[in-house]
Amino acid sequence: MSELSTAAAVFISIGVAFDLIGGLGLIRLPDIYNRLQAATKCVTLGTCFILIGVLIQFGFTSIGVKAILCLAFILMTSPTAAHAISKGSHDFGIKLWEGSVVDKLAEDKSKE
């Protein structure tokens, strides 16, 4: 196996940093809605950066093509899953954190 290229190392390092920040958000944020935001934004972006680093390192080999497929899968499923979980949580009646300023979904439902 060849040495890790500088560009790949930078992308992978940025990705790991985003994943760590997202993990801290999952631990530190107060409610499910804020935690989903950390998981969806930080972890999705971090994982994408890691996969781009893998693609840079290995090029369009079988590993690079798998990285592209994983990248597409994560970009499609992560936001969709977070939306479904948050909508289900809201419909189930899980309250927002008391410091939350606005609940647009509840406002829209009250207009119906």
PDB file of N, CA and C in Angstrom:
ATOM      1  N   MET A   1       0.841  -1.179   0.000  1.00  0.00           N
ATOM      2  CA  MET A   1       0.000   0.000   0.000  1.00  0.00           C
ATOM      3  C   MET A   1       0.886   1.242   0.000  1.00  0.00           C
ATOM      4  N   SER A   2       0.491   2.215  -0.764  1.00  0.00           N
ATOM      5  CA  SER A   2       1.289   3.434  -0.872  1.00  0.00           C
ATOM      6  C   SER A   2       1.015   4.369   0.302  1.00  0.00           C
ATOM      7  N   GLU A   3       1.896   5.373   0.426  1.00  0.00           N
ATOM      8  CA  GLU A   3       1.720   6.361   1.488  1.00  0.00           C
ATOM      9  C   GLU A   3       0.480   7.206   1.220  1.00  0.00           C
ATOM     10  N   LEU A   4      -0.044   7.754   2.287  1.00  0.00           N
ATOM     11  CA  LEU A   4      -1.220   8.608   2.191  1.00  0.00           C
ATOM     12  C   LEU A   4      -0.815   9.949   1.586  1.00  0.00           C
ATOM     13  N   SER A   5      -1.506  10.366   0.532  1.00  0.00           N
ATOM     14  CA  SER A   5      -1.177  11.646  -0.095  1.00  0.00           C
ATOM     15  C   SER A   5      -1.602  12.794   0.823  1.00  0.00           C
ATOM     16  N   THR A   6      -1.014  13.943   0.615  1.00  0.00           N
ATOM     17  CA  THR A   6      -1.312  15.104   1.451  1.00  0.00           C
ATOM     18  C   THR A   6      -2.765  15.535   1.323  1.00  0.00           C
ATOM     19  N   ALA A   7      -3.275  15.576   0.099  1.00  0.00           N
ATOM     20  CA  ALA A   7      -4.665  15.993  -0.120  1.00  0.00           C
ATOM     21  C   ALA A   7      -5.631  15.019   0.550  1.00  0.00           C
ATOM     22  N   ALA A   8      -5.352  13.724   0.406  1.00  0.00           N
ATOM     23  CA  ALA A   8      -6.215  12.728   1.040  1.00  0.00           C
ATOM     24  C   ALA A   8      -6.157  12.865   2.558  1.00  0.00           C
ATOM     25  N   ALA A   9      -4.977  13.088   3.099  1.00  0.00           N
ATOM     26  CA  ALA A   9      -4.834  13.246   4.546  1.00  0.00           C
ATOM     27  C   ALA A   9      -5.594  14.460   5.052  1.00  0.00           C
ATOM     28  N   VAL A  10      -5.569  15.553   4.291  1.00  0.00           N
ATOM     29  CA  VAL A  10      -6.296  16.764   4.690  1.00  0.00           C
ATOM     30  C   VAL A  10      -7.799  16.493   4.701  1.00  0.00           C
ATOM     31  N   PHE A  11      -8.317  15.877   3.635  1.00  0.00           N
ATOM     32  CA  PHE A  11      -9.751  15.589   3.580  1.00  0.00           C
ATOM     33  C   PHE A  11     -10.173  14.626   4.687  1.00  0.00           C
ATOM     34  N   ILE A  12      -9.386  13.593   4.911  1.00  0.00           N
ATOM     35  CA  ILE A  12      -9.723  12.636   5.964  1.00  0.00           C
ATOM     36  C   ILE A  12      -9.654  13.290   7.339  1.00  0.00           C
ATOM     37  N   SER A  13      -8.670  14.145   7.569  1.00  0.00           N
ATOM     38  CA  SER A  13      -8.556  14.842   8.859  1.00  0.00           C
ATOM     39  C   SER A  13      -9.737  15.778   9.094  1.00  0.00           C
ATOM     40  N   ILE A  14     -10.137  16.506   8.065  1.00  0.00           N
ATOM     41  CA  ILE A  14     -11.305  17.382   8.190  1.00  0.00           C
ATOM     42  C   ILE A  14     -12.553  16.551   8.471  1.00  0.00           C
ATOM     43  N   GLY A  15     -12.676  15.423   7.790  1.00  0.00           N
ATOM     44  CA  GLY A  15     -13.818  14.548   8.015  1.00  0.00           C
ATOM     45  C   GLY A  15     -13.867  13.999   9.422  1.00  0.00           C
ATOM     46  N   VAL A  16     -12.728  13.584   9.934  1.00  0.00           N
ATOM     47  CA  VAL A  16     -12.675  13.070  11.310  1.00  0.00           C
ATOM     48  C   VAL A  16     -13.028  14.180  12.303  1.00  0.00           C
ATOM     49  N   ALA A  17     -12.563  15.394  12.048  1.00  0.00           N
ATOM     50  CA  ALA A  17     -12.897  16.518  12.933  1.00  0.00           C
ATOM     51  C   ALA A  17     -14.408  16.776  12.947  1.00  0.00           C
ATOM     52  N   PHE A  18     -15.031  16.781  11.762  1.00  0.00           N
ATOM     53  CA  PHE A  18     -16.484  16.971  11.703  1.00  0.00           C
ATOM     54  C   PHE A  18     -17.215  15.835  12.414  1.00  0.00           C
ATOM     55  N   ASP A  19     -16.752  14.605  12.230  1.00  0.00           N
ATOM     56  CA  ASP A  19     -17.391  13.475  12.905  1.00  0.00           C
ATOM     57  C   ASP A  19     -17.262  13.592  14.424  1.00  0.00           C
ATOM     58  N   LEU A  20     -16.106  14.026  14.905  1.00  0.00           N
ATOM     59  CA  LEU A  20     -15.936  14.218  16.348  1.00  0.00           C
ATOM     60  C   LEU A  20     -16.845  15.314  16.884  1.00  0.00           C
ATOM     61  N   ILE A  21     -16.957  16.409  16.148  1.00  0.00           N
ATOM     62  CA  ILE A  21     -17.852  17.497  16.572  1.00  0.00           C
ATOM     63  C   ILE A  21     -19.300  17.022  16.576  1.00  0.00           C
ATOM     64  N   GLY A  22     -19.681  16.249  15.559  1.00  0.00           N
ATOM     65  CA  GLY A  22     -21.033  15.693  15.532  1.00  0.00           C
ATOM     66  C   GLY A  22     -21.280  14.738  16.687  1.00  0.00           C
ATOM     67  N   GLY A  23     -20.286  13.939  17.027  1.00  0.00           N
ATOM     68  CA  GLY A  23     -20.412  13.038  18.173  1.00  0.00           C
ATOM     69  C   GLY A  23     -20.557  13.795  19.482  1.00  0.00           C
ATOM     70  N   LEU A  24     -19.798  14.868  19.627  1.00  0.00           N
ATOM     71  CA  LEU A  24     -19.948  15.709  20.820  1.00  0.00           C
ATOM     72  C   LEU A  24     -21.339  16.340  20.873  1.00  0.00           C
ATOM     73  N   GLY A  25     -21.852  16.731  19.708  1.00  0.00           N
ATOM     74  CA  GLY A  25     -23.198  17.285  19.652  1.00  0.00           C
ATOM     75  C   GLY A  25     -24.255  16.287  20.080  1.00  0.00           C
ATOM     76  N   LEU A  26     -24.055  15.027  19.714  1.00  0.00           N
ATOM     77  CA  LEU A  26     -25.005  13.996  20.134  1.00  0.00           C
ATOM     78  C   LEU A  26     -25.008  13.825  21.648  1.00  0.00           C
ATOM     79  N   ILE A  27     -23.885  14.054  22.274  1.00  0.00           N
ATOM     80  CA  ILE A  27     -23.790  13.908  23.725  1.00  0.00           C
ATOM     81  C   ILE A  27     -24.261  15.168  24.439  1.00  0.00           C
ATOM     82  N   ARG A  28     -23.883  16.334  23.934  1.00  0.00           N
ATOM     83  CA  ARG A  28     -24.058  17.582  24.673  1.00  0.00           C
ATOM     84  C   ARG A  28     -25.378  18.313  24.418  1.00  0.00           C
ATOM     85  N   LEU A  29     -25.983  18.144  23.247  1.00  0.00           N
ATOM     86  CA  LEU A  29     -27.171  18.937  22.939  1.00  0.00           C
ATOM     87  C   LEU A  29     -28.389  18.444  23.715  1.00  0.00           C
ATOM     88  N   PRO A  30     -29.363  19.341  23.976  1.00  0.00           N
ATOM     89  CA  PRO A  30     -30.387  19.051  24.974  1.00  0.00           C
ATOM     90  C   PRO A  30     -31.541  18.146  24.552  1.00  0.00           C
ATOM     91  N   ASP A  31     -31.948  18.139  23.294  1.00  0.00           N
ATOM     92  CA  ASP A  31     -33.110  17.337  22.927  1.00  0.00           C
ATOM     93  C   ASP A  31     -32.875  16.608  21.602  1.00  0.00           C
ATOM     94  N   ILE A  32     -33.831  15.767  21.248  1.00  0.00           N
ATOM     95  CA  ILE A  32     -33.661  14.927  20.067  1.00  0.00           C
ATOM     96  C   ILE A  32     -33.537  15.752  18.786  1.00  0.00           C
ATOM     97  N   TYR A  33     -34.217  16.864  18.721  1.00  0.00           N
ATOM     98  CA  TYR A  33     -34.208  17.672  17.499  1.00  0.00           C
ATOM     99  C   TYR A  33     -32.840  18.325  17.276  1.00  0.00           C
ATOM    100  N   ASN A  34     -32.254  18.854  18.338  1.00  0.00           N
ATOM    101  CA  ASN A  34     -30.910  19.420  18.234  1.00  0.00           C
ATOM    102  C   ASN A  34     -29.872  18.331  17.966  1.00  0.00           C
ATOM    103  N   ARG A  35     -30.047  17.186  18.587  1.00  0.00           N
ATOM    104  CA  ARG A  35     -29.114  16.080  18.367  1.00  0.00           C
ATOM    105  C   ARG A  35     -29.184  15.572  16.935  1.00  0.00           C
ATOM    106  N   LEU A  36     -30.378  15.530  16.384  1.00  0.00           N
ATOM    107  CA  LEU A  36     -30.514  15.116  14.983  1.00  0.00           C
ATOM    108  C   LEU A  36     -29.825  16.102  14.047  1.00  0.00           C
ATOM    109  N   GLN A  37     -29.879  17.373  14.391  1.00  0.00           N
ATOM    110  CA  GLN A  37     -29.193  18.371  13.565  1.00  0.00           C
ATOM    111  C   GLN A  37     -27.691  18.121  13.588  1.00  0.00           C
ATOM    112  N   ALA A  38     -27.143  17.848  14.750  1.00  0.00           N
ATOM    113  CA  ALA A  38     -25.704  17.567  14.849  1.00  0.00           C
ATOM    114  C   ALA A  38     -25.352  16.303  14.082  1.00  0.00           C
ATOM    115  N   ALA A  39     -26.176  15.284  14.246  1.00  0.00           N
ATOM    116  CA  ALA A  39     -25.893  14.015  13.572  1.00  0.00           C
ATOM    117  C   ALA A  39     -26.013  14.159  12.063  1.00  0.00           C
ATOM    118  N   THR A  40     -27.017  14.867  11.611  1.00  0.00           N
ATOM    119  CA  THR A  40     -27.242  14.967  10.174  1.00  0.00           C
ATOM    120  C   THR A  40     -26.205  15.852   9.504  1.00  0.00           C
ATOM    121  N   LYS A  41     -25.990  17.027  10.030  1.00  0.00           N
ATOM    122  CA  LYS A  41     -25.095  17.969   9.354  1.00  0.00           C
ATOM    123  C   LYS A  41     -23.624  17.610   9.534  1.00  0.00           C
ATOM    124  N   CYS A  42     -23.182  17.512  10.769  1.00  0.00           N
ATOM    125  CA  CYS A  42     -21.753  17.285  11.022  1.00  0.00           C
ATOM    126  C   CYS A  42     -21.298  15.907  10.570  1.00  0.00           C
ATOM    127  N   VAL A  43     -22.029  14.892  10.971  1.00  0.00           N
ATOM    128  CA  VAL A  43     -21.582  13.539  10.671  1.00  0.00           C
ATOM    129  C   VAL A  43     -21.701  13.238   9.181  1.00  0.00           C
ATOM    130  N   THR A  44     -22.740  13.719   8.526  1.00  0.00           N
ATOM    131  CA  THR A  44     -22.853  13.509   7.082  1.00  0.00           C
ATOM    132  C   THR A  44     -21.707  14.209   6.355  1.00  0.00           C
ATOM    133  N   LEU A  45     -21.454  15.442   6.703  1.00  0.00           N
ATOM    134  CA  LEU A  45     -20.365  16.173   6.056  1.00  0.00           C
ATOM    135  C   LEU A  45     -19.014  15.528   6.361  1.00  0.00           C
ATOM    136  N   GLY A  46     -18.819  15.127   7.609  1.00  0.00           N
ATOM    137  CA  GLY A  46     -17.562  14.490   7.983  1.00  0.00           C
ATOM    138  C   GLY A  46     -17.336  13.185   7.251  1.00  0.00           C
ATOM    139  N   THR A  47     -18.358  12.363   7.170  1.00  0.00           N
ATOM    140  CA  THR A  47     -18.233  11.091   6.461  1.00  0.00           C
ATOM    141  C   THR A  47     -17.991  11.313   4.980  1.00  0.00           C
ATOM    142  N   CYS A  48     -18.632  12.316   4.412  1.00  0.00           N
ATOM    143  CA  CYS A  48     -18.396  12.632   2.996  1.00  0.00           C
ATOM    144  C   CYS A  48     -16.950  13.072   2.768  1.00  0.00           C
ATOM    145  N   PHE A  49     -16.415  13.884   3.670  1.00  0.00           N
ATOM    146  CA  PHE A  49     -15.015  14.289   3.535  1.00  0.00           C
ATOM    147  C   PHE A  49     -14.079  13.086   3.623  1.00  0.00           C
ATOM    148  N   ILE A  50     -14.365  12.162   4.526  1.00  0.00           N
ATOM    149  CA  ILE A  50     -13.533  10.960   4.630  1.00  0.00           C
ATOM    150  C   ILE A  50     -13.598  10.151   3.344  1.00  0.00           C
ATOM    151  N   LEU A  51     -14.788   9.988   2.801  1.00  0.00           N
ATOM    152  CA  LEU A  51     -14.934   9.219   1.563  1.00  0.00           C
ATOM    153  C   LEU A  51     -14.282   9.924   0.379  1.00  0.00           C
ATOM    154  N   ILE A  52     -14.320  11.239   0.349  1.00  0.00           N
ATOM    155  CA  ILE A  52     -13.613  11.976  -0.710  1.00  0.00           C
ATOM    156  C   ILE A  52     -12.111  11.775  -0.558  1.00  0.00           C
ATOM    157  N   GLY A  53     -11.617  11.768   0.674  1.00  0.00           N
ATOM    158  CA  GLY A  53     -10.209  11.482   0.910  1.00  0.00           C
ATOM    159  C   GLY A  53      -9.821  10.091   0.433  1.00  0.00           C
ATOM    160  N   VAL A  54     -10.685   9.126   0.659  1.00  0.00           N
ATOM    161  CA  VAL A  54     -10.435   7.765   0.157  1.00  0.00           C
ATOM    162  C   VAL A  54     -10.400   7.766  -1.366  1.00  0.00           C
ATOM    163  N   LEU A  55     -11.327   8.490  -1.984  1.00  0.00           N
ATOM    164  CA  LEU A  55     -11.352   8.578  -3.442  1.00  0.00           C
ATOM    165  C   LEU A  55     -10.079   9.233  -3.976  1.00  0.00           C
ATOM    166  N   ILE A  56      -9.627  10.285  -3.310  1.00  0.00           N
ATOM    167  CA  ILE A  56      -8.387  10.946  -3.732  1.00  0.00           C
ATOM    168  C   ILE A  56      -7.211   9.987  -3.609  1.00  0.00           C
ATOM    169  N   GLN A  57      -7.172   9.236  -2.528  1.00  0.00           N
ATOM    170  CA  GLN A  57      -6.053   8.331  -2.284  1.00  0.00           C
ATOM    171  C   GLN A  57      -6.022   7.177  -3.290  1.00  0.00           C
ATOM    172  N   PHE A  58      -7.170   6.566  -3.552  1.00  0.00           N
ATOM    173  CA  PHE A  58      -7.189   5.355  -4.355  1.00  0.00           C
ATOM    174  C   PHE A  58      -7.623   5.575  -5.799  1.00  0.00           C
ATOM    175  N   GLY A  59      -8.123   6.762  -6.124  1.00  0.00           N
ATOM    176  CA  GLY A  59      -8.549   7.032  -7.499  1.00  0.00           C
ATOM    177  C   GLY A  59      -9.776   6.214  -7.863  1.00  0.00           C
ATOM    178  N   PHE A  60      -9.962   6.027  -9.156  1.00  0.00           N
ATOM    179  CA  PHE A  60     -11.146   5.316  -9.638  1.00  0.00           C
ATOM    180  C   PHE A  60     -10.888   3.816  -9.751  1.00  0.00           C
ATOM    181  N   THR A  61     -10.374   3.246  -8.673  1.00  0.00           N
ATOM    182  CA  THR A  61     -10.230   1.800  -8.575  1.00  0.00           C
ATOM    183  C   THR A  61     -11.522   1.250  -7.962  1.00  0.00           C
ATOM    184  N   SER A  62     -11.526  -0.027  -7.641  1.00  0.00           N
ATOM    185  CA  SER A  62     -12.729  -0.595  -7.033  1.00  0.00           C
ATOM    186  C   SER A  62     -13.026   0.066  -5.680  1.00  0.00           C
ATOM    187  N   ILE A  63     -11.990   0.422  -4.948  1.00  0.00           N
ATOM    188  CA  ILE A  63     -12.187   1.092  -3.659  1.00  0.00           C
ATOM    189  C   ILE A  63     -12.767   2.494  -3.870  1.00  0.00           C
ATOM    190  N   GLY A  64     -12.270   3.221  -4.853  1.00  0.00           N
ATOM    191  CA  GLY A  64     -12.778   4.558  -5.142  1.00  0.00           C
ATOM    192  C   GLY A  64     -14.223   4.550  -5.590  1.00  0.00           C
ATOM    193  N   VAL A  65     -14.586   3.570  -6.414  1.00  0.00           N
ATOM    194  CA  VAL A  65     -15.973   3.462  -6.867  1.00  0.00           C
ATOM    195  C   VAL A  65     -16.886   3.140  -5.682  1.00  0.00           C
ATOM    196  N   LYS A  66     -16.435   2.281  -4.784  1.00  0.00           N
ATOM    197  CA  LYS A  66     -17.215   1.985  -3.579  1.00  0.00           C
ATOM    198  C   LYS A  66     -17.360   3.226  -2.707  1.00  0.00           C
ATOM    199  N   ALA A  67     -16.325   4.044  -2.636  1.00  0.00           N
ATOM    200  CA  ALA A  67     -16.411   5.294  -1.870  1.00  0.00           C
ATOM    201  C   ALA A  67     -17.446   6.230  -2.480  1.00  0.00           C
ATOM    202  N   ILE A  68     -17.489   6.296  -3.817  1.00  0.00           N
ATOM    203  CA  ILE A  68     -18.484   7.136  -4.493  1.00  0.00           C
ATOM    204  C   ILE A  68     -19.893   6.621  -4.223  1.00  0.00           C
ATOM    205  N   LEU A  69     -20.079   5.316  -4.287  1.00  0.00           N
ATOM    206  CA  LEU A  69     -21.396   4.736  -4.011  1.00  0.00           C
ATOM    207  C   LEU A  69     -21.823   4.998  -2.572  1.00  0.00           C
ATOM    208  N   CYS A  70     -20.904   4.840  -1.646  1.00  0.00           N
ATOM    209  CA  CYS A  70     -21.213   5.128  -0.234  1.00  0.00           C
ATOM    210  C   CYS A  70     -21.541   6.602  -0.035  1.00  0.00           C
ATOM    211  N   LEU A  71     -20.807   7.463  -0.711  1.00  0.00           N
ATOM    212  CA  LEU A  71     -21.050   8.901  -0.631  1.00  0.00           C
ATOM    213  C   LEU A  71     -22.465   9.231  -1.096  1.00  0.00           C
ATOM    214  N   ALA A  72     -22.864   8.687  -2.240  1.00  0.00           N
ATOM    215  CA  ALA A  72     -24.208   8.932  -2.763  1.00  0.00           C
ATOM    216  C   ALA A  72     -25.269   8.382  -1.810  1.00  0.00           C
ATOM    217  N   PHE A  73     -25.027   7.194  -1.283  1.00  0.00           N
ATOM    218  CA  PHE A  73     -25.980   6.578  -0.356  1.00  0.00           C
ATOM    219  C   PHE A  73     -26.146   7.414   0.907  1.00  0.00           C
ATOM    220  N   ILE A  74     -25.054   7.875   1.467  1.00  0.00           N
ATOM    221  CA  ILE A  74     -25.121   8.679   2.695  1.00  0.00           C
ATOM    222  C   ILE A  74     -25.810  10.016   2.436  1.00  0.00           C
ATOM    223  N   LEU A  75     -25.501  10.642   1.303  1.00  0.00           N
ATOM    224  CA  LEU A  75     -26.131  11.929   0.995  1.00  0.00           C
ATOM    225  C   LEU A  75     -27.634  11.799   0.775  1.00  0.00           C
ATOM    226  N   MET A  76     -28.091  10.641   0.326  1.00  0.00           N
ATOM    227  CA  MET A  76     -29.530  10.453   0.118  1.00  0.00           C
ATOM    228  C   MET A  76     -30.242   9.999   1.389  1.00  0.00           C
ATOM    229  N   THR A  77     -29.623   9.125   2.151  1.00  0.00           N
ATOM    230  CA  THR A  77     -30.349   8.515   3.259  1.00  0.00           C
ATOM    231  C   THR A  77     -30.255   9.274   4.577  1.00  0.00           C
ATOM    232  N   SER A  78     -29.160   9.931   4.852  1.00  0.00           N
ATOM    233  CA  SER A  78     -28.994  10.585   6.145  1.00  0.00           C
ATOM    234  C   SER A  78     -30.011  11.711   6.373  1.00  0.00           C
ATOM    235  N   PRO A  79     -30.170  12.648   5.439  1.00  0.00           N
ATOM    236  CA  PRO A  79     -31.186  13.684   5.660  1.00  0.00           C
ATOM    237  C   PRO A  79     -32.612  13.127   5.682  1.00  0.00           C
ATOM    238  N   THR A  80     -32.867  12.124   4.861  1.00  0.00           N
ATOM    239  CA  THR A  80     -34.198  11.518   4.821  1.00  0.00           C
ATOM    240  C   THR A  80     -34.517  10.826   6.139  1.00  0.00           C
ATOM    241  N   ALA A  81     -33.566  10.085   6.668  1.00  0.00           N
ATOM    242  CA  ALA A  81     -33.774   9.398   7.944  1.00  0.00           C
ATOM    243  C   ALA A  81     -33.949  10.397   9.081  1.00  0.00           C
ATOM    244  N   ALA A  82     -33.149  11.442   9.102  1.00  0.00           N
ATOM    245  CA  ALA A  82     -33.275  12.451  10.163  1.00  0.00           C
ATOM    246  C   ALA A  82     -34.636  13.147  10.096  1.00  0.00           C
ATOM    247  N   HIS A  83     -35.105  13.421   8.885  1.00  0.00           N
ATOM    248  CA  HIS A  83     -36.419  14.044   8.730  1.00  0.00           C
ATOM    249  C   HIS A  83     -37.515  13.109   9.252  1.00  0.00           C
ATOM    250  N   ALA A  84     -37.427  11.835   8.896  1.00  0.00           N
ATOM    251  CA  ALA A  84     -38.441  10.874   9.342  1.00  0.00           C
ATOM    252  C   ALA A  84     -38.424  10.719  10.864  1.00  0.00           C
ATOM    253  N   ILE A  85     -37.243  10.661  11.450  1.00  0.00           N
ATOM    254  CA  ILE A  85     -37.137  10.523  12.909  1.00  0.00           C
ATOM    255  C   ILE A  85     -37.684  11.766  13.605  1.00  0.00           C
ATOM    256  N   SER A  86     -37.342  12.947  13.118  1.00  0.00           N
ATOM    257  CA  SER A  86     -37.819  14.171  13.770  1.00  0.00           C
ATOM    258  C   SER A  86     -39.326  14.339  13.595  1.00  0.00           C
ATOM    259  N   LYS A  87     -39.842  14.017  12.436  1.00  0.00           N
ATOM    260  CA  LYS A  87     -41.295  14.109  12.216  1.00  0.00           C
ATOM    261  C   LYS A  87     -42.033  13.111  13.099  1.00  0.00           C
ATOM    262  N   GLY A  88     -41.498  11.893  13.174  1.00  0.00           N
ATOM    263  CA  GLY A  88     -42.112  10.892  14.045  1.00  0.00           C
ATOM    264  C   GLY A  88     -42.057  11.292  15.507  1.00  0.00           C
ATOM    265  N   SER A  89     -40.948  11.863  15.935  1.00  0.00           N
ATOM    266  CA  SER A  89     -40.821  12.326  17.320  1.00  0.00           C
ATOM    267  C   SER A  89     -41.815  13.436  17.615  1.00  0.00           C
ATOM    268  N   HIS A  90     -41.966  14.354  16.679  1.00  0.00           N
ATOM    269  CA  HIS A  90     -42.899  15.463  16.871  1.00  0.00           C
ATOM    270  C   HIS A  90     -44.333  14.949  16.894  1.00  0.00           C
ATOM    271  N   ASP A  91     -44.665  14.047  15.972  1.00  0.00           N
ATOM    272  CA  ASP A  91     -46.019  13.488  15.943  1.00  0.00           C
ATOM    273  C   ASP A  91     -46.327  12.670  17.193  1.00  0.00           C
ATOM    274  N   PHE A  92     -45.316  12.022  17.757  1.00  0.00           N
ATOM    275  CA  PHE A  92     -45.477  11.222  18.969  1.00  0.00           C
ATOM    276  C   PHE A  92     -45.650  12.105  20.196  1.00  0.00           C
ATOM    277  N   GLY A  93     -45.253  13.358  20.084  1.00  0.00           N
ATOM    278  CA  GLY A  93     -45.457  14.301  21.183  1.00  0.00           C
ATOM    279  C   GLY A  93     -44.218  14.608  22.004  1.00  0.00           C
ATOM    280  N   ILE A  94     -43.054  14.271  21.507  1.00  0.00           N
ATOM    281  CA  ILE A  94     -41.829  14.605  22.233  1.00  0.00           C
ATOM    282  C   ILE A  94     -41.621  16.110  22.146  1.00  0.00           C
ATOM    283  N   LYS A  95     -41.549  16.743  23.292  1.00  0.00           N
ATOM    284  CA  LYS A  95     -41.477  18.208  23.359  1.00  0.00           C
ATOM    285  C   LYS A  95     -40.097  18.719  22.966  1.00  0.00           C
ATOM    286  N   LEU A  96     -40.094  19.946  22.452  1.00  0.00           N
ATOM    287  CA  LEU A  96     -38.845  20.635  22.167  1.00  0.00           C
ATOM    288  C   LEU A  96     -38.226  21.076  23.485  1.00  0.00           C
ATOM    289  N   TRP A  97     -36.945  21.345  23.451  1.00  0.00           N
ATOM    290  CA  TRP A  97     -36.235  21.876  24.601  1.00  0.00           C
ATOM    291  C   TRP A  97     -36.863  23.208  24.986  1.00  0.00           C
ATOM    292  N   GLU A  98     -36.916  23.498  26.287  1.00  0.00           N
ATOM    293  CA  GLU A  98     -37.579  24.728  26.745  1.00  0.00           C
ATOM    294  C   GLU A  98     -36.909  25.994  26.214  1.00  0.00           C
ATOM    295  N   GLY A  99     -35.660  25.901  25.786  1.00  0.00           N
ATOM    296  CA  GLY A  99     -34.971  27.056  25.224  1.00  0.00           C
ATOM    297  C   GLY A  99     -35.225  27.244  23.727  1.00  0.00           C
ATOM    298  N   SER A 100     -35.999  26.346  23.123  1.00  0.00           N
ATOM    299  CA  SER A 100     -36.302  26.484  21.695  1.00  0.00           C
ATOM    300  C   SER A 100     -37.202  27.693  21.480  1.00  0.00           C
ATOM    301  N   VAL A 101     -36.949  28.405  20.414  1.00  0.00           N
ATOM    302  CA  VAL A 101     -37.645  29.663  20.178  1.00  0.00           C
ATOM    303  C   VAL A 101     -38.939  29.470  19.398  1.00  0.00           C
ATOM    304  N   VAL A 102     -38.930  28.586  18.410  1.00  0.00           N
ATOM    305  CA  VAL A 102     -40.092  28.469  17.532  1.00  0.00           C
ATOM    306  C   VAL A 102     -40.304  26.998  17.157  1.00  0.00           C
ATOM    307  N   ASP A 103     -41.574  26.661  16.931  1.00  0.00           N
ATOM    308  CA  ASP A 103     -41.952  25.323  16.470  1.00  0.00           C
ATOM    309  C   ASP A 103     -42.838  25.500  15.243  1.00  0.00           C
ATOM    310  N   LYS A 104     -42.225  25.594  14.091  1.00  0.00           N
ATOM    311  CA  LYS A 104     -42.963  25.848  12.850  1.00  0.00           C
ATOM    312  C   LYS A 104     -43.927  24.717  12.506  1.00  0.00           C
ATOM    313  N   LEU A 105     -43.563  23.477  12.813  1.00  0.00           N
ATOM    314  CA  LEU A 105     -44.442  22.363  12.493  1.00  0.00           C
ATOM    315  C   LEU A 105     -45.742  22.442  13.294  1.00  0.00           C
ATOM    316  N   ALA A 106     -45.636  22.795  14.568  1.00  0.00           N
ATOM    317  CA  ALA A 106     -46.830  22.951  15.388  1.00  0.00           C
ATOM    318  C   ALA A 106     -47.679  24.132  14.903  1.00  0.00           C
ATOM    319  N   GLU A 107     -47.022  25.196  14.474  1.00  0.00           N
ATOM    320  CA  GLU A 107     -47.759  26.348  13.929  1.00  0.00           C
ATOM    321  C   GLU A 107     -48.498  25.961  12.669  1.00  0.00           C
ATOM    322  N   ASP A 108     -47.854  25.198  11.794  1.00  0.00           N
ATOM    323  CA  ASP A 108     -48.513  24.783  10.555  1.00  0.00           C
ATOM    324  C   ASP A 108     -49.691  23.837  10.834  1.00  0.00           C
ATOM    325  N   LYS A 109     -49.535  22.951  11.820  1.00  0.00           N
ATOM    326  CA  LYS A 109     -50.608  22.032  12.157  1.00  0.00           C
ATOM    327  C   LYS A 109     -51.807  22.765  12.767  1.00  0.00           C
ATOM    328  N   SER A 110     -51.527  23.841  13.514  1.00  0.00           N
ATOM    329  CA  SER A 110     -52.640  24.576  14.143  1.00  0.00           C
ATOM    330  C   SER A 110     -53.438  25.382  13.126  1.00  0.00           C
ATOM    331  N   LYS A 111     -52.857  25.672  11.970  1.00  0.00           N
ATOM    332  CA  LYS A 111     -53.558  26.404  10.915  1.00  0.00           C
ATOM    333  C   LYS A 111     -54.537  25.516  10.156  1.00  0.00           C
ATOM    334  N   GLU A 112     -54.319  24.202  10.204  1.00  0.00           N
ATOM    335  CA  GLU A 112     -55.172  23.282   9.445  1.00  0.00           C
ATOM    336  C   GLU A 112     -56.527  23.132  10.035  1.00  0.00           C
TER     337      GLU A 112
END
